[in-house]
Protein backbone atom coordinates (compact mmCIF):
# COMPACT_ATOMS: atom_id res chain seq x y z
CA UNK A 1 0.00 0.00 0.00
CA UNK A 2 2.82 2.40 0.84
CA UNK A 3 4.62 1.66 -2.41
CA UNK A 4 1.43 2.34 -4.36
CA UNK A 5 1.02 5.63 -2.48
CA UNK A 6 4.56 6.62 -3.45
CA UNK A 7 3.78 5.82 -7.11
CA UNK A 8 0.68 8.02 -7.00
CA UNK A 9 2.68 10.84 -5.39
CA UNK A 10 5.77 10.65 -7.63
CA UNK A 11 4.10 9.84 -10.96
CA UNK A 12 1.11 12.18 -11.20
CA UNK A 13 0.89 11.73 -14.99
CA UNK A 14 0.57 7.94 -14.70
CA UNK A 15 -2.61 5.96 -14.05
CA UNK A 16 -1.95 3.77 -11.00
CA UNK A 17 -4.25 0.85 -10.25
CA UNK A 18 -5.57 -0.08 -6.84
CA UNK A 19 -3.30 -2.51 -4.99
CA UNK A 20 -4.02 -6.18 -5.70
CA UNK A 21 -5.66 -5.29 -8.98
CA UNK A 22 -7.80 -8.11 -10.43
CA UNK A 23 -8.46 -6.84 -13.99
CA UNK A 24 -5.07 -5.44 -15.02
CA UNK A 25 -6.20 -1.90 -14.29
CA UNK A 26 -8.57 -1.75 -17.28
CA UNK A 27 -11.51 -4.00 -16.40
CA UNK A 28 -10.07 -6.83 -18.52
CA UNK A 29 -10.87 -10.54 -18.53
CA UNK A 30 -8.47 -13.41 -19.24
CA UNK A 31 -8.38 -16.16 -21.85
CA UNK A 32 -8.75 -18.75 -19.07
CA UNK A 33 -11.78 -17.00 -17.61
CA UNK A 34 -10.00 -16.84 -14.26
CA UNK A 35 -9.00 -13.40 -12.98
CA UNK A 36 -5.48 -13.00 -11.60
CA UNK A 37 -4.35 -10.70 -8.83
CA UNK A 38 -1.62 -8.28 -9.90
CA UNK A 39 -0.11 -6.07 -7.23
CA UNK A 40 0.18 -2.80 -9.19
CA UNK A 41 -0.44 -1.75 -12.79
CA UNK A 42 0.93 1.65 -13.87
CA UNK A 43 0.03 3.06 -17.28
CA UNK A 44 0.74 5.88 -19.67
CA UNK A 45 -0.51 6.35 -23.22
CA UNK A 46 2.33 4.20 -24.61
CA UNK A 47 3.34 1.89 -21.74
CA UNK A 48 1.83 -0.63 -19.32
CA UNK A 49 4.02 -1.55 -16.33
CA UNK A 50 2.88 -4.65 -14.42
CA UNK A 51 4.43 -5.13 -11.00
CA UNK A 52 4.56 -8.22 -8.80
CA UNK A 53 5.63 -7.54 -5.21
CA UNK A 54 6.79 -10.17 -2.72
CA UNK A 55 7.32 -9.31 0.94
CA UNK A 56 8.37 -12.69 2.32
CA UNK A 57 11.01 -12.97 5.00
CA UNK A 58 13.27 -15.99 4.65
CA UNK A 59 11.61 -17.17 1.45
CA UNK A 60 13.23 -15.54 -1.60
CA UNK A 61 11.44 -15.57 -4.96
CA UNK A 62 12.16 -18.71 -6.97
CA UNK A 63 11.62 -19.72 -10.57
CA UNK A 64 7.99 -20.79 -10.04
CA UNK A 65 7.13 -17.30 -8.77
CA UNK A 66 8.50 -15.78 -11.98
CA UNK A 67 6.78 -18.37 -14.17
CA UNK A 68 3.38 -17.84 -12.51
CA UNK A 69 3.72 -14.06 -12.88
CA UNK A 70 4.59 -14.44 -16.58
CA UNK A 71 1.63 -16.81 -17.09
CA UNK A 72 -0.76 -14.29 -15.51
CA UNK A 73 0.31 -11.61 -17.97
CA UNK A 74 0.17 -13.98 -20.94
CA UNK A 75 -3.37 -15.00 -19.94
CA UNK A 76 -4.45 -11.35 -20.13
CA UNK A 77 -2.61 -10.75 -23.42
CA UNK A 78 -4.16 -13.83 -25.06
CA UNK A 79 -7.64 -12.30 -24.72
CA UNK A 80 -6.60 -8.65 -25.06
CA UNK A 81 -4.05 -8.39 -27.90
CA UNK A 82 -4.51 -4.59 -28.13
CA UNK A 83 -2.45 -4.32 -24.94
CA UNK A 84 0.55 -5.07 -27.13
CA UNK A 85 0.01 -1.89 -29.12
CA UNK A 86 1.76 -0.31 -26.12
CA UNK A 87 4.98 -1.45 -24.49
CA UNK A 88 4.23 -3.98 -21.73
CA UNK A 89 6.88 -4.05 -19.02
CA UNK A 90 6.73 -6.71 -16.27
CA UNK A 91 8.74 -6.08 -13.10
CA UNK A 92 9.16 -8.28 -10.02
CA UNK A 93 10.11 -6.54 -6.78
CA UNK A 94 11.13 -8.41 -3.64
CA UNK A 95 12.19 -7.34 -0.16
CA UNK A 96 14.74 -10.19 -0.19
CA UNK A 97 17.26 -11.29 -2.77
CA UNK A 98 16.13 -13.69 -5.51
CA UNK A 99 17.42 -17.24 -5.41
CA UNK A 100 19.57 -18.22 -8.39
CA UNK A 101 16.84 -19.98 -10.35
CA UNK A 102 14.32 -17.19 -9.65
CA UNK A 103 16.62 -14.50 -10.98
CA UNK A 104 17.53 -16.60 -14.02
CA UNK A 105 13.84 -17.21 -14.77
CA UNK A 106 13.11 -13.49 -14.58
CA UNK A 107 15.81 -12.71 -17.11
CA UNK A 108 14.78 -15.53 -19.44
CA UNK A 109 11.13 -14.42 -19.36
CA UNK A 110 11.84 -10.71 -19.83
CA UNK A 111 10.88 -9.67 -16.30
CA UNK A 112 12.82 -6.84 -14.64
CA UNK A 113 13.96 -8.07 -11.19
CA UNK A 114 14.21 -5.57 -8.32
CA UNK A 115 15.59 -6.45 -4.87
CA UNK A 116 18.00 -5.14 -2.22
CA UNK A 117 21.30 -4.59 -4.01
CA UNK A 118 19.71 -5.47 -7.35
CA UNK A 119 18.89 -2.58 -9.65
CA UNK A 120 16.92 -3.54 -12.78
CA UNK A 121 18.62 -3.05 -16.13
CA UNK A 122 16.92 0.30 -17.01
CA UNK A 123 18.06 1.78 -13.68
CA UNK A 124 21.62 0.55 -14.28
CA UNK A 125 21.55 2.18 -17.72
CA UNK A 126 20.29 5.42 -16.20
CA UNK A 127 23.02 5.30 -13.52
CA UNK A 128 25.65 4.87 -16.25
CA UNK A 129 24.17 7.83 -18.14
CA UNK A 130 24.30 10.06 -15.05
CA UNK A 131 27.91 9.13 -14.30
CA UNK A 132 28.87 9.79 -17.93
CA UNK A 133 27.27 13.25 -17.73
CA UNK A 134 29.29 13.99 -14.59
CA UNK A 135 32.46 12.90 -16.39
CA UNK A 136 31.68 15.23 -19.28
CA UNK A 137 31.23 18.07 -16.78
CA UNK A 138 34.82 17.47 -15.68
CA UNK A 139 34.32 15.87 -12.26
CA UNK A 140 37.85 15.01 -10.99
CA UNK A 141 37.59 11.22 -11.05
CA UNK A 142 40.76 9.13 -10.70
CA UNK A 143 41.98 7.39 -13.85
CA UNK A 144 41.35 3.93 -12.40
CA UNK A 145 37.73 4.87 -11.59
CA UNK A 146 37.26 6.19 -15.13
CA UNK A 147 38.60 2.88 -16.48
CA UNK A 148 36.25 0.99 -14.16
CA UNK A 149 33.34 3.06 -15.49
CA UNK A 150 34.35 2.30 -19.08
CA UNK A 151 34.45 -1.43 -18.32
CA UNK A 152 31.08 -1.19 -16.50
CA UNK A 153 29.43 0.49 -19.50
CA UNK A 154 30.85 -2.10 -21.92
CA UNK A 155 29.58 -5.01 -19.80
CA UNK A 156 26.21 -3.30 -19.36
CA UNK A 157 25.88 -2.85 -23.12
CA UNK A 158 26.71 -6.51 -23.69
CA UNK A 159 24.11 -7.60 -21.14
CA UNK A 160 21.50 -5.33 -22.74
CA UNK A 161 22.16 -6.90 -26.14
CA UNK A 162 21.93 -10.42 -24.71
CA UNK A 163 18.57 -9.72 -23.06
CA UNK A 164 17.04 -7.56 -25.79
CA UNK A 165 14.93 -10.29 -27.40
CA UNK A 166 13.56 -11.51 -24.06
CA UNK A 167 11.57 -8.35 -23.32
CA UNK A 168 7.86 -9.00 -23.60
CA UNK A 169 7.20 -6.46 -26.34
CA UNK A 170 9.94 -8.07 -28.46
CA UNK A 171 8.68 -11.58 -27.75
CA UNK A 172 4.93 -10.94 -28.19
CA UNK A 173 3.18 -8.82 -30.80
CA UNK A 174 -0.26 -7.59 -31.82
CA UNK A 175 -1.60 -9.20 -35.00
CA UNK A 176 -5.34 -8.49 -34.76
CA UNK A 177 -7.96 -7.84 -32.13
CA UNK A 178 -8.21 -11.59 -31.45
CA UNK A 179 -4.68 -12.76 -32.30
CA UNK A 180 -1.22 -12.30 -30.81
CA UNK A 181 2.06 -13.54 -32.27
CA UNK A 182 4.68 -15.17 -30.08
CA UNK A 183 8.32 -15.39 -31.13
CA UNK A 184 10.45 -18.23 -29.82
CA UNK A 185 13.38 -16.93 -27.77
CA UNK A 186 15.67 -19.39 -26.08
CA UNK A 187 19.18 -20.76 -25.86
CA UNK A 188 20.32 -18.12 -23.38
CA UNK A 189 22.58 -19.06 -20.50
CA UNK A 190 20.30 -17.33 -18.01
CA UNK A 191 22.18 -18.58 -14.94
CA UNK A 192 25.38 -16.99 -16.24
CA UNK A 193 23.49 -13.81 -17.19
CA UNK A 194 21.96 -13.60 -13.71
CA UNK A 195 25.43 -13.81 -12.16
CA UNK A 196 26.61 -11.10 -14.55
CA UNK A 197 23.67 -8.90 -13.53
CA UNK A 198 24.61 -9.29 -9.86
CA UNK A 199 28.27 -8.46 -10.63
CA UNK A 200 27.30 -5.40 -12.67
CA UNK A 201 25.11 -4.25 -9.80
CA UNK A 202 28.07 -4.57 -7.43
CA UNK A 203 30.25 -2.57 -9.83
CA UNK A 204 27.54 0.10 -10.13
CA UNK A 205 27.34 0.45 -6.35
CA UNK A 206 31.12 0.89 -6.06
CA UNK A 207 31.21 3.46 -8.87
CA UNK A 208 28.35 5.51 -7.42
CA UNK A 209 30.12 5.53 -4.05
CA UNK A 210 33.30 6.84 -5.71
CA UNK A 211 31.38 9.59 -7.52
CA UNK A 212 29.61 10.59 -4.29
CA UNK A 213 32.96 10.82 -2.48
CA UNK A 214 34.35 13.13 -5.14
CA UNK A 215 31.24 15.30 -5.11
CA UNK A 216 31.34 15.49 -1.29
CA UNK A 217 35.00 16.62 -1.38
CA UNK A 218 34.19 19.29 -3.95
CA UNK A 219 31.57 20.79 -1.60
CA UNK A 220 34.05 21.23 1.26
C-alpha atoms as a PDB file:
ATOM      1  CA  UNK A   1       0.000   0.000   0.000  1.00  0.00           C
ATOM      2  CA  UNK A   2       2.825   2.396   0.844  1.00  0.00           C
ATOM      3  CA  UNK A   3       4.618   1.661  -2.406  1.00  0.00           C
ATOM      4  CA  UNK A   4       1.428   2.335  -4.361  1.00  0.00           C
ATOM      5  CA  UNK A   5       1.015   5.627  -2.482  1.00  0.00           C
ATOM      6  CA  UNK A   6       4.561   6.621  -3.452  1.00  0.00           C
ATOM      7  CA  UNK A   7       3.780   5.820  -7.113  1.00  0.00           C
ATOM      8  CA  UNK A   8       0.684   8.025  -7.002  1.00  0.00           C
ATOM      9  CA  UNK A   9       2.685  10.844  -5.387  1.00  0.00           C
ATOM     10  CA  UNK A  10       5.765  10.655  -7.625  1.00  0.00           C
ATOM     11  CA  UNK A  11       4.098   9.839 -10.958  1.00  0.00           C
ATOM     12  CA  UNK A  12       1.109  12.183 -11.204  1.00  0.00           C
ATOM     13  CA  UNK A  13       0.890  11.729 -14.986  1.00  0.00           C
ATOM     14  CA  UNK A  14       0.568   7.942 -14.696  1.00  0.00           C
ATOM     15  CA  UNK A  15      -2.609   5.962 -14.047  1.00  0.00           C
ATOM     16  CA  UNK A  16      -1.946   3.771 -10.996  1.00  0.00           C
ATOM     17  CA  UNK A  17      -4.254   0.853 -10.246  1.00  0.00           C
ATOM     18  CA  UNK A  18      -5.565  -0.083  -6.839  1.00  0.00           C
ATOM     19  CA  UNK A  19      -3.302  -2.511  -4.992  1.00  0.00           C
ATOM     20  CA  UNK A  20      -4.017  -6.181  -5.696  1.00  0.00           C
ATOM     21  CA  UNK A  21      -5.658  -5.291  -8.977  1.00  0.00           C
ATOM     22  CA  UNK A  22      -7.803  -8.114 -10.429  1.00  0.00           C
ATOM     23  CA  UNK A  23      -8.462  -6.840 -13.990  1.00  0.00           C
ATOM     24  CA  UNK A  24      -5.070  -5.444 -15.021  1.00  0.00           C
ATOM     25  CA  UNK A  25      -6.203  -1.898 -14.289  1.00  0.00           C
ATOM     26  CA  UNK A  26      -8.567  -1.752 -17.277  1.00  0.00           C
ATOM     27  CA  UNK A  27     -11.510  -3.996 -16.395  1.00  0.00           C
ATOM     28  CA  UNK A  28     -10.067  -6.826 -18.520  1.00  0.00           C
ATOM     29  CA  UNK A  29     -10.867 -10.540 -18.527  1.00  0.00           C
ATOM     30  CA  UNK A  30      -8.466 -13.410 -19.242  1.00  0.00           C
ATOM     31  CA  UNK A  31      -8.378 -16.155 -21.847  1.00  0.00           C
ATOM     32  CA  UNK A  32      -8.747 -18.745 -19.073  1.00  0.00           C
ATOM     33  CA  UNK A  33     -11.783 -16.999 -17.614  1.00  0.00           C
ATOM     34  CA  UNK A  34      -9.996 -16.844 -14.257  1.00  0.00           C
ATOM     35  CA  UNK A  35      -8.998 -13.402 -12.976  1.00  0.00           C
ATOM     36  CA  UNK A  36      -5.479 -12.997 -11.603  1.00  0.00           C
ATOM     37  CA  UNK A  37      -4.355 -10.699  -8.833  1.00  0.00           C
ATOM     38  CA  UNK A  38      -1.624  -8.281  -9.903  1.00  0.00           C
ATOM     39  CA  UNK A  39      -0.114  -6.075  -7.232  1.00  0.00           C
ATOM     40  CA  UNK A  40       0.184  -2.805  -9.192  1.00  0.00           C
ATOM     41  CA  UNK A  41      -0.441  -1.754 -12.792  1.00  0.00           C
ATOM     42  CA  UNK A  42       0.934   1.649 -13.871  1.00  0.00           C
ATOM     43  CA  UNK A  43       0.027   3.058 -17.276  1.00  0.00           C
ATOM     44  CA  UNK A  44       0.738   5.882 -19.672  1.00  0.00           C
ATOM     45  CA  UNK A  45      -0.510   6.350 -23.222  1.00  0.00           C
ATOM     46  CA  UNK A  46       2.331   4.197 -24.611  1.00  0.00           C
ATOM     47  CA  UNK A  47       3.336   1.890 -21.736  1.00  0.00           C
ATOM     48  CA  UNK A  48       1.835  -0.628 -19.316  1.00  0.00           C
ATOM     49  CA  UNK A  49       4.021  -1.548 -16.327  1.00  0.00           C
ATOM     50  CA  UNK A  50       2.877  -4.650 -14.422  1.00  0.00           C
ATOM     51  CA  UNK A  51       4.433  -5.131 -11.002  1.00  0.00           C
ATOM     52  CA  UNK A  52       4.563  -8.220  -8.805  1.00  0.00           C
ATOM     53  CA  UNK A  53       5.629  -7.537  -5.206  1.00  0.00           C
ATOM     54  CA  UNK A  54       6.795 -10.173  -2.723  1.00  0.00           C
ATOM     55  CA  UNK A  55       7.324  -9.308   0.936  1.00  0.00           C
ATOM     56  CA  UNK A  56       8.372 -12.686   2.316  1.00  0.00           C
ATOM     57  CA  UNK A  57      11.013 -12.966   5.005  1.00  0.00           C
ATOM     58  CA  UNK A  58      13.273 -15.992   4.652  1.00  0.00           C
ATOM     59  CA  UNK A  59      11.610 -17.173   1.455  1.00  0.00           C
ATOM     60  CA  UNK A  60      13.233 -15.541  -1.598  1.00  0.00           C
ATOM     61  CA  UNK A  61      11.439 -15.569  -4.956  1.00  0.00           C
ATOM     62  CA  UNK A  62      12.157 -18.711  -6.971  1.00  0.00           C
ATOM     63  CA  UNK A  63      11.620 -19.721 -10.567  1.00  0.00           C
ATOM     64  CA  UNK A  64       7.986 -20.787 -10.038  1.00  0.00           C
ATOM     65  CA  UNK A  65       7.130 -17.298  -8.773  1.00  0.00           C
ATOM     66  CA  UNK A  66       8.498 -15.780 -11.976  1.00  0.00           C
ATOM     67  CA  UNK A  67       6.779 -18.367 -14.175  1.00  0.00           C
ATOM     68  CA  UNK A  68       3.380 -17.840 -12.507  1.00  0.00           C
ATOM     69  CA  UNK A  69       3.720 -14.060 -12.884  1.00  0.00           C
ATOM     70  CA  UNK A  70       4.590 -14.437 -16.577  1.00  0.00           C
ATOM     71  CA  UNK A  71       1.629 -16.809 -17.095  1.00  0.00           C
ATOM     72  CA  UNK A  72      -0.763 -14.286 -15.508  1.00  0.00           C
ATOM     73  CA  UNK A  73       0.310 -11.608 -17.971  1.00  0.00           C
ATOM     74  CA  UNK A  74       0.166 -13.978 -20.940  1.00  0.00           C
ATOM     75  CA  UNK A  75      -3.371 -14.998 -19.943  1.00  0.00           C
ATOM     76  CA  UNK A  76      -4.448 -11.350 -20.130  1.00  0.00           C
ATOM     77  CA  UNK A  77      -2.613 -10.754 -23.420  1.00  0.00           C
ATOM     78  CA  UNK A  78      -4.161 -13.830 -25.062  1.00  0.00           C
ATOM     79  CA  UNK A  79      -7.643 -12.301 -24.717  1.00  0.00           C
ATOM     80  CA  UNK A  80      -6.600  -8.654 -25.056  1.00  0.00           C
ATOM     81  CA  UNK A  81      -4.046  -8.385 -27.905  1.00  0.00           C
ATOM     82  CA  UNK A  82      -4.506  -4.593 -28.131  1.00  0.00           C
ATOM     83  CA  UNK A  83      -2.453  -4.317 -24.936  1.00  0.00           C
ATOM     84  CA  UNK A  84       0.551  -5.074 -27.132  1.00  0.00           C
ATOM     85  CA  UNK A  85       0.009  -1.886 -29.116  1.00  0.00           C
ATOM     86  CA  UNK A  86       1.759  -0.314 -26.122  1.00  0.00           C
ATOM     87  CA  UNK A  87       4.979  -1.452 -24.488  1.00  0.00           C
ATOM     88  CA  UNK A  88       4.231  -3.983 -21.733  1.00  0.00           C
ATOM     89  CA  UNK A  89       6.883  -4.046 -19.015  1.00  0.00           C
ATOM     90  CA  UNK A  90       6.735  -6.714 -16.269  1.00  0.00           C
ATOM     91  CA  UNK A  91       8.736  -6.076 -13.097  1.00  0.00           C
ATOM     92  CA  UNK A  92       9.157  -8.283 -10.018  1.00  0.00           C
ATOM     93  CA  UNK A  93      10.109  -6.536  -6.777  1.00  0.00           C
ATOM     94  CA  UNK A  94      11.134  -8.412  -3.645  1.00  0.00           C
ATOM     95  CA  UNK A  95      12.195  -7.341  -0.157  1.00  0.00           C
ATOM     96  CA  UNK A  96      14.742 -10.185  -0.191  1.00  0.00           C
ATOM     97  CA  UNK A  97      17.264 -11.294  -2.771  1.00  0.00           C
ATOM     98  CA  UNK A  98      16.133 -13.695  -5.514  1.00  0.00           C
ATOM     99  CA  UNK A  99      17.421 -17.238  -5.408  1.00  0.00           C
ATOM    100  CA  UNK A 100      19.570 -18.216  -8.387  1.00  0.00           C
ATOM    101  CA  UNK A 101      16.836 -19.980 -10.346  1.00  0.00           C
ATOM    102  CA  UNK A 102      14.324 -17.194  -9.650  1.00  0.00           C
ATOM    103  CA  UNK A 103      16.624 -14.502 -10.981  1.00  0.00           C
ATOM    104  CA  UNK A 104      17.535 -16.604 -14.022  1.00  0.00           C
ATOM    105  CA  UNK A 105      13.840 -17.213 -14.768  1.00  0.00           C
ATOM    106  CA  UNK A 106      13.105 -13.492 -14.582  1.00  0.00           C
ATOM    107  CA  UNK A 107      15.813 -12.715 -17.111  1.00  0.00           C
ATOM    108  CA  UNK A 108      14.782 -15.525 -19.439  1.00  0.00           C
ATOM    109  CA  UNK A 109      11.129 -14.417 -19.362  1.00  0.00           C
ATOM    110  CA  UNK A 110      11.836 -10.715 -19.832  1.00  0.00           C
ATOM    111  CA  UNK A 111      10.882  -9.667 -16.298  1.00  0.00           C
ATOM    112  CA  UNK A 112      12.821  -6.843 -14.642  1.00  0.00           C
ATOM    113  CA  UNK A 113      13.962  -8.074 -11.188  1.00  0.00           C
ATOM    114  CA  UNK A 114      14.208  -5.568  -8.316  1.00  0.00           C
ATOM    115  CA  UNK A 115      15.588  -6.450  -4.875  1.00  0.00           C
ATOM    116  CA  UNK A 116      17.998  -5.141  -2.221  1.00  0.00           C
ATOM    117  CA  UNK A 117      21.298  -4.593  -4.014  1.00  0.00           C
ATOM    118  CA  UNK A 118      19.709  -5.467  -7.347  1.00  0.00           C
ATOM    119  CA  UNK A 119      18.885  -2.579  -9.649  1.00  0.00           C
ATOM    120  CA  UNK A 120      16.920  -3.537 -12.783  1.00  0.00           C
ATOM    121  CA  UNK A 121      18.622  -3.050 -16.128  1.00  0.00           C
ATOM    122  CA  UNK A 122      16.920   0.298 -17.008  1.00  0.00           C
ATOM    123  CA  UNK A 123      18.064   1.784 -13.681  1.00  0.00           C
ATOM    124  CA  UNK A 124      21.615   0.548 -14.280  1.00  0.00           C
ATOM    125  CA  UNK A 125      21.552   2.175 -17.723  1.00  0.00           C
ATOM    126  CA  UNK A 126      20.294   5.419 -16.200  1.00  0.00           C
ATOM    127  CA  UNK A 127      23.022   5.302 -13.520  1.00  0.00           C
ATOM    128  CA  UNK A 128      25.654   4.875 -16.250  1.00  0.00           C
ATOM    129  CA  UNK A 129      24.174   7.835 -18.136  1.00  0.00           C
ATOM    130  CA  UNK A 130      24.304  10.060 -15.052  1.00  0.00           C
ATOM    131  CA  UNK A 131      27.915   9.130 -14.304  1.00  0.00           C
ATOM    132  CA  UNK A 132      28.869   9.792 -17.934  1.00  0.00           C
ATOM    133  CA  UNK A 133      27.271  13.245 -17.733  1.00  0.00           C
ATOM    134  CA  UNK A 134      29.293  13.989 -14.588  1.00  0.00           C
ATOM    135  CA  UNK A 135      32.457  12.896 -16.390  1.00  0.00           C
ATOM    136  CA  UNK A 136      31.677  15.234 -19.281  1.00  0.00           C
ATOM    137  CA  UNK A 137      31.233  18.066 -16.782  1.00  0.00           C
ATOM    138  CA  UNK A 138      34.817  17.470 -15.682  1.00  0.00           C
ATOM    139  CA  UNK A 139      34.322  15.870 -12.261  1.00  0.00           C
ATOM    140  CA  UNK A 140      37.847  15.009 -10.993  1.00  0.00           C
ATOM    141  CA  UNK A 141      37.591  11.216 -11.046  1.00  0.00           C
ATOM    142  CA  UNK A 142      40.765   9.134 -10.700  1.00  0.00           C
ATOM    143  CA  UNK A 143      41.982   7.388 -13.848  1.00  0.00           C
ATOM    144  CA  UNK A 144      41.354   3.927 -12.399  1.00  0.00           C
ATOM    145  CA  UNK A 145      37.732   4.868 -11.591  1.00  0.00           C
ATOM    146  CA  UNK A 146      37.263   6.189 -15.132  1.00  0.00           C
ATOM    147  CA  UNK A 147      38.599   2.881 -16.478  1.00  0.00           C
ATOM    148  CA  UNK A 148      36.253   0.991 -14.156  1.00  0.00           C
ATOM    149  CA  UNK A 149      33.336   3.063 -15.489  1.00  0.00           C
ATOM    150  CA  UNK A 150      34.349   2.298 -19.077  1.00  0.00           C
ATOM    151  CA  UNK A 151      34.447  -1.433 -18.319  1.00  0.00           C
ATOM    152  CA  UNK A 152      31.078  -1.186 -16.504  1.00  0.00           C
ATOM    153  CA  UNK A 153      29.434   0.491 -19.500  1.00  0.00           C
ATOM    154  CA  UNK A 154      30.848  -2.105 -21.916  1.00  0.00           C
ATOM    155  CA  UNK A 155      29.582  -5.010 -19.797  1.00  0.00           C
ATOM    156  CA  UNK A 156      26.208  -3.301 -19.355  1.00  0.00           C
ATOM    157  CA  UNK A 157      25.883  -2.850 -23.119  1.00  0.00           C
ATOM    158  CA  UNK A 158      26.707  -6.512 -23.692  1.00  0.00           C
ATOM    159  CA  UNK A 159      24.106  -7.605 -21.140  1.00  0.00           C
ATOM    160  CA  UNK A 160      21.504  -5.332 -22.735  1.00  0.00           C
ATOM    161  CA  UNK A 161      22.159  -6.898 -26.136  1.00  0.00           C
ATOM    162  CA  UNK A 162      21.934 -10.423 -24.708  1.00  0.00           C
ATOM    163  CA  UNK A 163      18.573  -9.716 -23.060  1.00  0.00           C
ATOM    164  CA  UNK A 164      17.043  -7.564 -25.788  1.00  0.00           C
ATOM    165  CA  UNK A 165      14.929 -10.295 -27.396  1.00  0.00           C
ATOM    166  CA  UNK A 166      13.558 -11.513 -24.063  1.00  0.00           C
ATOM    167  CA  UNK A 167      11.567  -8.348 -23.315  1.00  0.00           C
ATOM    168  CA  UNK A 168       7.860  -9.004 -23.604  1.00  0.00           C
ATOM    169  CA  UNK A 169       7.199  -6.457 -26.338  1.00  0.00           C
ATOM    170  CA  UNK A 170       9.943  -8.066 -28.461  1.00  0.00           C
ATOM    171  CA  UNK A 171       8.682 -11.580 -27.753  1.00  0.00           C
ATOM    172  CA  UNK A 172       4.933 -10.937 -28.186  1.00  0.00           C
ATOM    173  CA  UNK A 173       3.185  -8.823 -30.795  1.00  0.00           C
ATOM    174  CA  UNK A 174      -0.260  -7.590 -31.817  1.00  0.00           C
ATOM    175  CA  UNK A 175      -1.600  -9.201 -34.997  1.00  0.00           C
ATOM    176  CA  UNK A 176      -5.335  -8.490 -34.764  1.00  0.00           C
ATOM    177  CA  UNK A 177      -7.959  -7.842 -32.128  1.00  0.00           C
ATOM    178  CA  UNK A 178      -8.213 -11.592 -31.451  1.00  0.00           C
ATOM    179  CA  UNK A 179      -4.681 -12.759 -32.297  1.00  0.00           C
ATOM    180  CA  UNK A 180      -1.221 -12.304 -30.814  1.00  0.00           C
ATOM    181  CA  UNK A 181       2.056 -13.543 -32.268  1.00  0.00           C
ATOM    182  CA  UNK A 182       4.680 -15.168 -30.077  1.00  0.00           C
ATOM    183  CA  UNK A 183       8.318 -15.388 -31.126  1.00  0.00           C
ATOM    184  CA  UNK A 184      10.453 -18.230 -29.816  1.00  0.00           C
ATOM    185  CA  UNK A 185      13.380 -16.931 -27.773  1.00  0.00           C
ATOM    186  CA  UNK A 186      15.671 -19.385 -26.077  1.00  0.00           C
ATOM    187  CA  UNK A 187      19.181 -20.756 -25.857  1.00  0.00           C
ATOM    188  CA  UNK A 188      20.315 -18.120 -23.377  1.00  0.00           C
ATOM    189  CA  UNK A 189      22.580 -19.057 -20.502  1.00  0.00           C
ATOM    190  CA  UNK A 190      20.304 -17.327 -18.013  1.00  0.00           C
ATOM    191  CA  UNK A 191      22.176 -18.577 -14.938  1.00  0.00           C
ATOM    192  CA  UNK A 192      25.378 -16.993 -16.242  1.00  0.00           C
ATOM    193  CA  UNK A 193      23.486 -13.813 -17.186  1.00  0.00           C
ATOM    194  CA  UNK A 194      21.962 -13.600 -13.709  1.00  0.00           C
ATOM    195  CA  UNK A 195      25.432 -13.812 -12.162  1.00  0.00           C
ATOM    196  CA  UNK A 196      26.609 -11.105 -14.554  1.00  0.00           C
ATOM    197  CA  UNK A 197      23.668  -8.898 -13.529  1.00  0.00           C
ATOM    198  CA  UNK A 198      24.613  -9.292  -9.863  1.00  0.00           C
ATOM    199  CA  UNK A 199      28.269  -8.463 -10.634  1.00  0.00           C
ATOM    200  CA  UNK A 200      27.299  -5.402 -12.672  1.00  0.00           C
ATOM    201  CA  UNK A 201      25.106  -4.246  -9.797  1.00  0.00           C
ATOM    202  CA  UNK A 202      28.075  -4.575  -7.432  1.00  0.00           C
ATOM    203  CA  UNK A 203      30.247  -2.568  -9.832  1.00  0.00           C
ATOM    204  CA  UNK A 204      27.541   0.097 -10.127  1.00  0.00           C
ATOM    205  CA  UNK A 205      27.343   0.452  -6.346  1.00  0.00           C
ATOM    206  CA  UNK A 206      31.121   0.888  -6.063  1.00  0.00           C
ATOM    207  CA  UNK A 207      31.205   3.458  -8.868  1.00  0.00           C
ATOM    208  CA  UNK A 208      28.347   5.506  -7.415  1.00  0.00           C
ATOM    209  CA  UNK A 209      30.115   5.534  -4.048  1.00  0.00           C
ATOM    210  CA  UNK A 210      33.296   6.835  -5.714  1.00  0.00           C
ATOM    211  CA  UNK A 211      31.380   9.586  -7.523  1.00  0.00           C
ATOM    212  CA  UNK A 212      29.611  10.594  -4.291  1.00  0.00           C
ATOM    213  CA  UNK A 213      32.957  10.825  -2.478  1.00  0.00           C
ATOM    214  CA  UNK A 214      34.353  13.133  -5.136  1.00  0.00           C
ATOM    215  CA  UNK A 215      31.235  15.301  -5.112  1.00  0.00           C
ATOM    216  CA  UNK A 216      31.344  15.495  -1.291  1.00  0.00           C
ATOM    217  CA  UNK A 217      35.000  16.622  -1.375  1.00  0.00           C
ATOM    218  CA  UNK A 218      34.191  19.286  -3.947  1.00  0.00           C
ATOM    219  CA  UNK A 219      31.574  20.788  -1.605  1.00  0.00           C
ATOM    220  CA  UNK A 220      34.055  21.233   1.256  1.00  0.00           C
END
